[in-house]
Amino acid sequence: MVAIPDYRKVTRASALVRRSSDAPIVDVISDPGNGQISDDPRTRFGRRHPLICFSALPAAASFLSLWYSPPPINRRPF
């Protein structure tokens, strides 16, 4: 008797591989558009300085949100 592995079974490892392969695909699609947005503006401050300044606040807010998580909904200990 020969054991045939079931490749349709989703494991944690296969889900991790799937998620790690999704990011480069999205990156390939979004990079040309992001480059176009970054190269187009011509201001007196330069091409990229306004974008850096406008992205500083959302970046800081997202970094702070990593450390301030909401309290758990249920009161049971883990």
PDB file of N, CA and C in Angstrom:
ATOM      1  N   MET A   1       0.839  -1.177   0.000  1.00  0.00           N
ATOM      2  CA  MET A   1       0.000   0.000   0.000  1.00  0.00           C
ATOM      3  C   MET A   1       0.888   1.245   0.000  1.00  0.00           C
ATOM      4  N   VAL A   2       0.563   2.199  -0.831  1.00  0.00           N
ATOM      5  CA  VAL A   2       1.340   3.422  -0.957  1.00  0.00           C
ATOM      6  C   VAL A   2       0.537   4.574  -0.354  1.00  0.00           C
ATOM      7  N   ALA A   3       1.216   5.358   0.492  1.00  0.00           N
ATOM      8  CA  ALA A   3       0.559   6.516   1.101  1.00  0.00           C
ATOM      9  C   ALA A   3       0.693   7.712   0.160  1.00  0.00           C
ATOM     10  N   ILE A   4      -0.428   8.284  -0.200  1.00  0.00           N
ATOM     11  CA  ILE A   4      -0.435   9.452  -1.078  1.00  0.00           C
ATOM     12  C   ILE A   4      -0.755  10.671  -0.219  1.00  0.00           C
ATOM     13  N   PRO A   5       0.170  11.619  -0.149  1.00  0.00           N
ATOM     14  CA  PRO A   5      -0.093  12.790   0.697  1.00  0.00           C
ATOM     15  C   PRO A   5      -1.229  13.641   0.136  1.00  0.00           C
ATOM     16  N   ASP A   6      -1.981  14.216   1.032  1.00  0.00           N
ATOM     17  CA  ASP A   6      -3.082  15.088   0.642  1.00  0.00           C
ATOM     18  C   ASP A   6      -2.566  16.529   0.587  1.00  0.00           C
ATOM     19  N   TYR A   7      -2.340  17.049  -0.612  1.00  0.00           N
ATOM     20  CA  TYR A   7      -1.784  18.384  -0.765  1.00  0.00           C
ATOM     21  C   TYR A   7      -2.833  19.475  -0.608  1.00  0.00           C
ATOM     22  N   ARG A   8      -4.072  19.112  -0.512  1.00  0.00           N
ATOM     23  CA  ARG A   8      -5.126  20.119  -0.341  1.00  0.00           C
ATOM     24  C   ARG A   8      -5.247  20.573   1.097  1.00  0.00           C
ATOM     25  N   LYS A   9      -4.625  19.855   2.017  1.00  0.00           N
ATOM     26  CA  LYS A   9      -4.720  20.183   3.425  1.00  0.00           C
ATOM     27  C   LYS A   9      -3.927  21.461   3.706  1.00  0.00           C
ATOM     28  N   VAL A  10      -4.560  22.418   4.346  1.00  0.00           N
ATOM     29  CA  VAL A  10      -3.911  23.683   4.659  1.00  0.00           C
ATOM     30  C   VAL A  10      -3.318  23.586   6.055  1.00  0.00           C
ATOM     31  N   THR A  11      -2.029  23.732   6.128  1.00  0.00           N
ATOM     32  CA  THR A  11      -1.354  23.728   7.415  1.00  0.00           C
ATOM     33  C   THR A  11      -0.841  25.128   7.707  1.00  0.00           C
ATOM     34  N   ARG A  12      -0.291  25.307   8.883  1.00  0.00           N
ATOM     35  CA  ARG A  12       0.261  26.614   9.225  1.00  0.00           C
ATOM     36  C   ARG A  12       1.425  26.961   8.311  1.00  0.00           C
ATOM     37  N   ALA A  13       2.233  25.971   8.006  1.00  0.00           N
ATOM     38  CA  ALA A  13       3.392  26.231   7.150  1.00  0.00           C
ATOM     39  C   ALA A  13       2.952  26.635   5.745  1.00  0.00           C
ATOM     40  N   SER A  14       1.952  25.952   5.206  1.00  0.00           N
ATOM     41  CA  SER A  14       1.510  26.298   3.857  1.00  0.00           C
ATOM     42  C   SER A  14       0.831  27.664   3.837  1.00  0.00           C
ATOM     43  N   ALA A  15       0.121  28.003   4.908  1.00  0.00           N
ATOM     44  CA  ALA A  15      -0.490  29.327   4.979  1.00  0.00           C
ATOM     45  C   ALA A  15       0.581  30.407   5.082  1.00  0.00           C
ATOM     46  N   LEU A  16       1.666  30.124   5.811  1.00  0.00           N
ATOM     47  CA  LEU A  16       2.760  31.090   5.930  1.00  0.00           C
ATOM     48  C   LEU A  16       3.457  31.279   4.597  1.00  0.00           C
ATOM     49  N   VAL A  17       3.660  30.208   3.863  1.00  0.00           N
ATOM     50  CA  VAL A  17       4.281  30.321   2.550  1.00  0.00           C
ATOM     51  C   VAL A  17       3.384  31.111   1.617  1.00  0.00           C
ATOM     52  N   ARG A  18       2.109  30.893   1.694  1.00  0.00           N
ATOM     53  CA  ARG A  18       1.169  31.614   0.833  1.00  0.00           C
ATOM     54  C   ARG A  18       1.192  33.109   1.145  1.00  0.00           C
ATOM     55  N   ARG A  19       1.186  33.453   2.433  1.00  0.00           N
ATOM     56  CA  ARG A  19       1.180  34.854   2.806  1.00  0.00           C
ATOM     57  C   ARG A  19       2.494  35.531   2.461  1.00  0.00           C
ATOM     58  N   SER A  20       3.597  34.804   2.590  1.00  0.00           N
ATOM     59  CA  SER A  20       4.885  35.418   2.279  1.00  0.00           C
ATOM     60  C   SER A  20       5.097  35.544   0.777  1.00  0.00           C
ATOM     61  N   SER A  21       4.363  34.800  -0.019  1.00  0.00           N
ATOM     62  CA  SER A  21       4.490  34.951  -1.471  1.00  0.00           C
ATOM     63  C   SER A  21       3.511  35.994  -2.014  1.00  0.00           C
ATOM     64  N   ASP A  22       2.538  36.403  -1.235  1.00  0.00           N
ATOM     65  CA  ASP A  22       1.593  37.425  -1.687  1.00  0.00           C
ATOM     66  C   ASP A  22       2.212  38.815  -1.695  1.00  0.00           C
ATOM     67  N   ALA A  23       3.061  39.115  -0.730  1.00  0.00           N
ATOM     68  CA  ALA A  23       3.629  40.455  -0.616  1.00  0.00           C
ATOM     69  C   ALA A  23       4.474  40.842  -1.829  1.00  0.00           C
ATOM     70  N   PRO A  24       5.366  39.991  -2.320  1.00  0.00           N
ATOM     71  CA  PRO A  24       6.128  40.401  -3.509  1.00  0.00           C
ATOM     72  C   PRO A  24       5.257  40.605  -4.747  1.00  0.00           C
ATOM     73  N   ILE A  25       4.184  39.872  -4.856  1.00  0.00           N
ATOM     74  CA  ILE A  25       3.291  40.034  -6.003  1.00  0.00           C
ATOM     75  C   ILE A  25       2.610  41.397  -5.941  1.00  0.00           C
ATOM     76  N   VAL A  26       2.121  41.776  -4.770  1.00  0.00           N
ATOM     77  CA  VAL A  26       1.504  43.091  -4.600  1.00  0.00           C
ATOM     78  C   VAL A  26       2.551  44.182  -4.808  1.00  0.00           C
ATOM     79  N   ASP A  27       3.780  43.928  -4.370  1.00  0.00           N
ATOM     80  CA  ASP A  27       4.854  44.902  -4.533  1.00  0.00           C
ATOM     81  C   ASP A  27       5.174  45.139  -6.005  1.00  0.00           C
ATOM     82  N   VAL A  28       5.201  44.091  -6.793  1.00  0.00           N
ATOM     83  CA  VAL A  28       5.478  44.230  -8.227  1.00  0.00           C
ATOM     84  C   VAL A  28       4.391  45.057  -8.908  1.00  0.00           C
ATOM     85  N   ILE A  29       3.163  44.893  -8.470  1.00  0.00           N
ATOM     86  CA  ILE A  29       2.049  45.626  -9.086  1.00  0.00           C
ATOM     87  C   ILE A  29       2.043  47.092  -8.644  1.00  0.00           C
ATOM     88  N   SER A  30       2.354  47.355  -7.373  1.00  0.00           N
ATOM     89  CA  SER A  30       2.210  48.716  -6.856  1.00  0.00           C
ATOM     90  C   SER A  30       3.446  49.593  -7.048  1.00  0.00           C
ATOM     91  N   ASP A  31       4.621  49.027  -7.236  1.00  0.00           N
ATOM     92  CA  ASP A  31       5.838  49.842  -7.334  1.00  0.00           C
ATOM     93  C   ASP A  31       5.855  50.832  -8.495  1.00  0.00           C
ATOM     94  N   PRO A  32       5.447  50.453  -9.702  1.00  0.00           N
ATOM     95  CA  PRO A  32       5.466  51.465 -10.769  1.00  0.00           C
ATOM     96  C   PRO A  32       4.558  52.658 -10.488  1.00  0.00           C
ATOM     97  N   GLY A  33       3.397  52.417  -9.919  1.00  0.00           N
ATOM     98  CA  GLY A  33       2.494  53.522  -9.576  1.00  0.00           C
ATOM     99  C   GLY A  33       3.064  54.395  -8.476  1.00  0.00           C
ATOM    100  N   ASN A  34       3.664  53.769  -7.474  1.00  0.00           N
ATOM    101  CA  ASN A  34       4.268  54.555  -6.396  1.00  0.00           C
ATOM    102  C   ASN A  34       5.462  55.358  -6.904  1.00  0.00           C
ATOM    103  N   GLY A  35       6.220  54.799  -7.813  1.00  0.00           N
ATOM    104  CA  GLY A  35       7.335  55.540  -8.395  1.00  0.00           C
ATOM    105  C   GLY A  35       6.853  56.724  -9.213  1.00  0.00           C
ATOM    106  N   GLN A  36       5.769  56.538  -9.930  1.00  0.00           N
ATOM    107  CA  GLN A  36       5.194  57.633 -10.724  1.00  0.00           C
ATOM    108  C   GLN A  36       4.703  58.751  -9.813  1.00  0.00           C
ATOM    109  N   ILE A  37       4.052  58.385  -8.724  1.00  0.00           N
ATOM    110  CA  ILE A  37       3.570  59.394  -7.766  1.00  0.00           C
ATOM    111  C   ILE A  37       4.753  60.125  -7.139  1.00  0.00           C
ATOM    112  N   SER A  38       5.837  59.411  -6.857  1.00  0.00           N
ATOM    113  CA  SER A  38       6.992  60.012  -6.222  1.00  0.00           C
ATOM    114  C   SER A  38       7.789  60.892  -7.178  1.00  0.00           C
ATOM    115  N   ASP A  39       7.801  60.565  -8.455  1.00  0.00           N
ATOM    116  CA  ASP A  39       8.610  61.315  -9.417  1.00  0.00           C
ATOM    117  C   ASP A  39       7.910  62.541  -9.993  1.00  0.00           C
ATOM    118  N   ASP A  40       6.595  62.593  -9.962  1.00  0.00           N
ATOM    119  CA  ASP A  40       5.857  63.670 -10.621  1.00  0.00           C
ATOM    120  C   ASP A  40       5.901  65.030  -9.925  1.00  0.00           C
ATOM    121  N   PRO A  41       5.727  65.120  -8.604  1.00  0.00           N
ATOM    122  CA  PRO A  41       5.594  66.459  -8.025  1.00  0.00           C
ATOM    123  C   PRO A  41       6.880  67.281  -8.152  1.00  0.00           C
ATOM    124  N   ARG A  42       6.701  68.544  -8.480  1.00  0.00           N
ATOM    125  CA  ARG A  42       7.816  69.490  -8.554  1.00  0.00           C
ATOM    126  C   ARG A  42       7.430  70.691  -7.691  1.00  0.00           C
ATOM    127  N   THR A  43       7.941  70.718  -6.475  1.00  0.00           N
ATOM    128  CA  THR A  43       7.644  71.824  -5.568  1.00  0.00           C
ATOM    129  C   THR A  43       8.940  72.569  -5.258  1.00  0.00           C
ATOM    130  N   ARG A  44       8.822  73.658  -4.570  1.00  0.00           N
ATOM    131  CA  ARG A  44      10.023  74.409  -4.208  1.00  0.00           C
ATOM    132  C   ARG A  44      10.834  73.694  -3.131  1.00  0.00           C
ATOM    133  N   PHE A  45      10.220  72.702  -2.473  1.00  0.00           N
ATOM    134  CA  PHE A  45      10.919  71.918  -1.458  1.00  0.00           C
ATOM    135  C   PHE A  45      11.604  70.689  -2.045  1.00  0.00           C
ATOM    136  N   GLY A  46      11.360  70.410  -3.301  1.00  0.00           N
ATOM    137  CA  GLY A  46      11.945  69.235  -3.934  1.00  0.00           C
ATOM    138  C   GLY A  46      10.865  68.256  -4.345  1.00  0.00           C
ATOM    139  N   ARG A  47      11.285  67.145  -4.902  1.00  0.00           N
ATOM    140  CA  ARG A  47      10.309  66.169  -5.377  1.00  0.00           C
ATOM    141  C   ARG A  47       9.781  65.286  -4.252  1.00  0.00           C
ATOM    142  N   ARG A  48      10.647  64.880  -3.357  1.00  0.00           N
ATOM    143  CA  ARG A  48      10.229  63.881  -2.377  1.00  0.00           C
ATOM    144  C   ARG A  48      10.075  64.404  -0.957  1.00  0.00           C
ATOM    145  N   HIS A  49      10.580  65.569  -0.656  1.00  0.00           N
ATOM    146  CA  HIS A  49      10.466  66.088   0.710  1.00  0.00           C
ATOM    147  C   HIS A  49       9.025  66.278   1.173  1.00  0.00           C
ATOM    148  N   PRO A  50       8.108  66.787   0.373  1.00  0.00           N
ATOM    149  CA  PRO A  50       6.719  66.878   0.841  1.00  0.00           C
ATOM    150  C   PRO A  50       6.113  65.500   1.132  1.00  0.00           C
ATOM    151  N   LEU A  51       6.455  64.506   0.315  1.00  0.00           N
ATOM    152  CA  LEU A  51       5.921  63.168   0.566  1.00  0.00           C
ATOM    153  C   LEU A  51       6.466  62.585   1.858  1.00  0.00           C
ATOM    154  N   ILE A  52       7.732  62.837   2.135  1.00  0.00           N
ATOM    155  CA  ILE A  52       8.323  62.355   3.380  1.00  0.00           C
ATOM    156  C   ILE A  52       7.670  63.033   4.572  1.00  0.00           C
ATOM    157  N   CYS A  53       7.450  64.334   4.471  1.00  0.00           N
ATOM    158  CA  CYS A  53       6.822  65.062   5.578  1.00  0.00           C
ATOM    159  C   CYS A  53       5.375  64.628   5.806  1.00  0.00           C
ATOM    160  N   PHE A  54       4.623  64.409   4.720  1.00  0.00           N
ATOM    161  CA  PHE A  54       3.234  63.986   4.876  1.00  0.00           C
ATOM    162  C   PHE A  54       3.109  62.559   5.374  1.00  0.00           C
ATOM    163  N   SER A  55       4.111  61.739   5.119  1.00  0.00           N
ATOM    164  CA  SER A  55       4.020  60.349   5.571  1.00  0.00           C
ATOM    165  C   SER A  55       4.564  60.145   6.982  1.00  0.00           C
ATOM    166  N   ALA A  56       5.176  61.161   7.563  1.00  0.00           N
ATOM    167  CA  ALA A  56       5.754  61.014   8.894  1.00  0.00           C
ATOM    168  C   ALA A  56       4.677  60.806   9.963  1.00  0.00           C
ATOM    169  N   LEU A  57       3.590  61.559   9.900  1.00  0.00           N
ATOM    170  CA  LEU A  57       2.533  61.411  10.911  1.00  0.00           C
ATOM    171  C   LEU A  57       1.830  60.063  10.846  1.00  0.00           C
ATOM    172  N   PRO A  58       1.404  59.576   9.666  1.00  0.00           N
ATOM    173  CA  PRO A  58       0.811  58.236   9.644  1.00  0.00           C
ATOM    174  C   PRO A  58       1.791  57.142  10.060  1.00  0.00           C
ATOM    175  N   ALA A  59       3.057  57.299   9.718  1.00  0.00           N
ATOM    176  CA  ALA A  59       4.048  56.304  10.126  1.00  0.00           C
ATOM    177  C   ALA A  59       4.221  56.301  11.646  1.00  0.00           C
ATOM    178  N   ALA A  60       4.259  57.474  12.252  1.00  0.00           N
ATOM    179  CA  ALA A  60       4.378  57.561  13.707  1.00  0.00           C
ATOM    180  C   ALA A  60       3.134  57.001  14.396  1.00  0.00           C
ATOM    181  N   ALA A  61       1.970  57.303  13.845  1.00  0.00           N
ATOM    182  CA  ALA A  61       0.728  56.782  14.436  1.00  0.00           C
ATOM    183  C   ALA A  61       0.664  55.268  14.345  1.00  0.00           C
ATOM    184  N   SER A  62       1.082  54.706  13.225  1.00  0.00           N
ATOM    185  CA  SER A  62       1.045  53.246  13.108  1.00  0.00           C
ATOM    186  C   SER A  62       2.087  52.600  14.012  1.00  0.00           C
ATOM    187  N   PHE A  63       3.240  53.240  14.210  1.00  0.00           N
ATOM    188  CA  PHE A  63       4.236  52.692  15.125  1.00  0.00           C
ATOM    189  C   PHE A  63       3.722  52.716  16.553  1.00  0.00           C
ATOM    190  N   LEU A  64       3.087  53.807  16.953  1.00  0.00           N
ATOM    191  CA  LEU A  64       2.547  53.879  18.308  1.00  0.00           C
ATOM    192  C   LEU A  64       1.411  52.901  18.524  1.00  0.00           C
ATOM    193  N   SER A  65       0.638  52.643  17.480  1.00  0.00           N
ATOM    194  CA  SER A  65      -0.473  51.699  17.641  1.00  0.00           C
ATOM    195  C   SER A  65       0.015  50.277  17.875  1.00  0.00           C
ATOM    196  N   LEU A  66       1.258  49.988  17.545  1.00  0.00           N
ATOM    197  CA  LEU A  66       1.803  48.663  17.852  1.00  0.00           C
ATOM    198  C   LEU A  66       1.919  48.440  19.357  1.00  0.00           C
ATOM    199  N   TRP A  67       2.168  49.499  20.106  1.00  0.00           N
ATOM    200  CA  TRP A  67       2.429  49.371  21.530  1.00  0.00           C
ATOM    201  C   TRP A  67       1.204  49.641  22.392  1.00  0.00           C
ATOM    202  N   TYR A  68       0.177  50.263  21.844  1.00  0.00           N
ATOM    203  CA  TYR A  68      -1.034  50.554  22.604  1.00  0.00           C
ATOM    204  C   TYR A  68      -2.190  49.733  22.056  1.00  0.00           C
ATOM    205  N   SER A  69      -2.286  48.506  22.508  1.00  0.00           N
ATOM    206  CA  SER A  69      -3.362  47.646  22.027  1.00  0.00           C
ATOM    207  C   SER A  69      -4.600  47.846  22.894  1.00  0.00           C
ATOM    208  N   PRO A  70      -5.782  47.620  22.338  1.00  0.00           N
ATOM    209  CA  PRO A  70      -7.003  47.768  23.132  1.00  0.00           C
ATOM    210  C   PRO A  70      -7.095  46.653  24.175  1.00  0.00           C
ATOM    211  N   PRO A  71      -7.838  46.892  25.242  1.00  0.00           N
ATOM    212  CA  PRO A  71      -7.977  45.841  26.256  1.00  0.00           C
ATOM    213  C   PRO A  71      -8.750  44.654  25.686  1.00  0.00           C
ATOM    214  N   PRO A  72      -8.520  43.474  26.229  1.00  0.00           N
ATOM    215  CA  PRO A  72      -9.245  42.296  25.725  1.00  0.00           C
ATOM    216  C   PRO A  72     -10.741  42.416  25.994  1.00  0.00           C
ATOM    217  N   ILE A  73     -11.533  41.822  25.142  1.00  0.00           N
ATOM    218  CA  ILE A  73     -12.981  41.894  25.281  1.00  0.00           C
ATOM    219  C   ILE A  73     -13.456  41.024  26.432  1.00  0.00           C
ATOM    220  N   ASN A  74     -12.951  39.805  26.506  1.00  0.00           N
ATOM    221  CA  ASN A  74     -13.372  38.932  27.594  1.00  0.00           C
ATOM    222  C   ASN A  74     -12.406  39.094  28.765  1.00  0.00           C
ATOM    223  N   ARG A  75     -12.887  38.812  29.942  1.00  0.00           N
ATOM    224  CA  ARG A  75     -12.097  39.013  31.156  1.00  0.00           C
ATOM    225  C   ARG A  75     -11.385  37.730  31.601  1.00  0.00           C
ATOM    226  N   ARG A  76     -11.491  36.665  30.816  1.00  0.00           N
ATOM    227  CA  ARG A  76     -10.844  35.411  31.198  1.00  0.00           C
ATOM    228  C   ARG A  76      -9.346  35.506  30.928  1.00  0.00           C
ATOM    229  N   PRO A  77      -8.528  34.966  31.822  1.00  0.00           N
ATOM    230  CA  PRO A  77      -7.079  34.965  31.557  1.00  0.00           C
ATOM    231  C   PRO A  77      -6.735  33.970  30.452  1.00  0.00           C
ATOM    232  N   PHE A  78      -5.645  34.196  29.809  1.00  0.00           N
ATOM    233  CA  PHE A  78      -5.240  33.334  28.714  1.00  0.00           C
ATOM    234  C   PHE A  78      -4.659  32.035  29.187  1.00  0.00           C
TER     235      PHE A  78
END
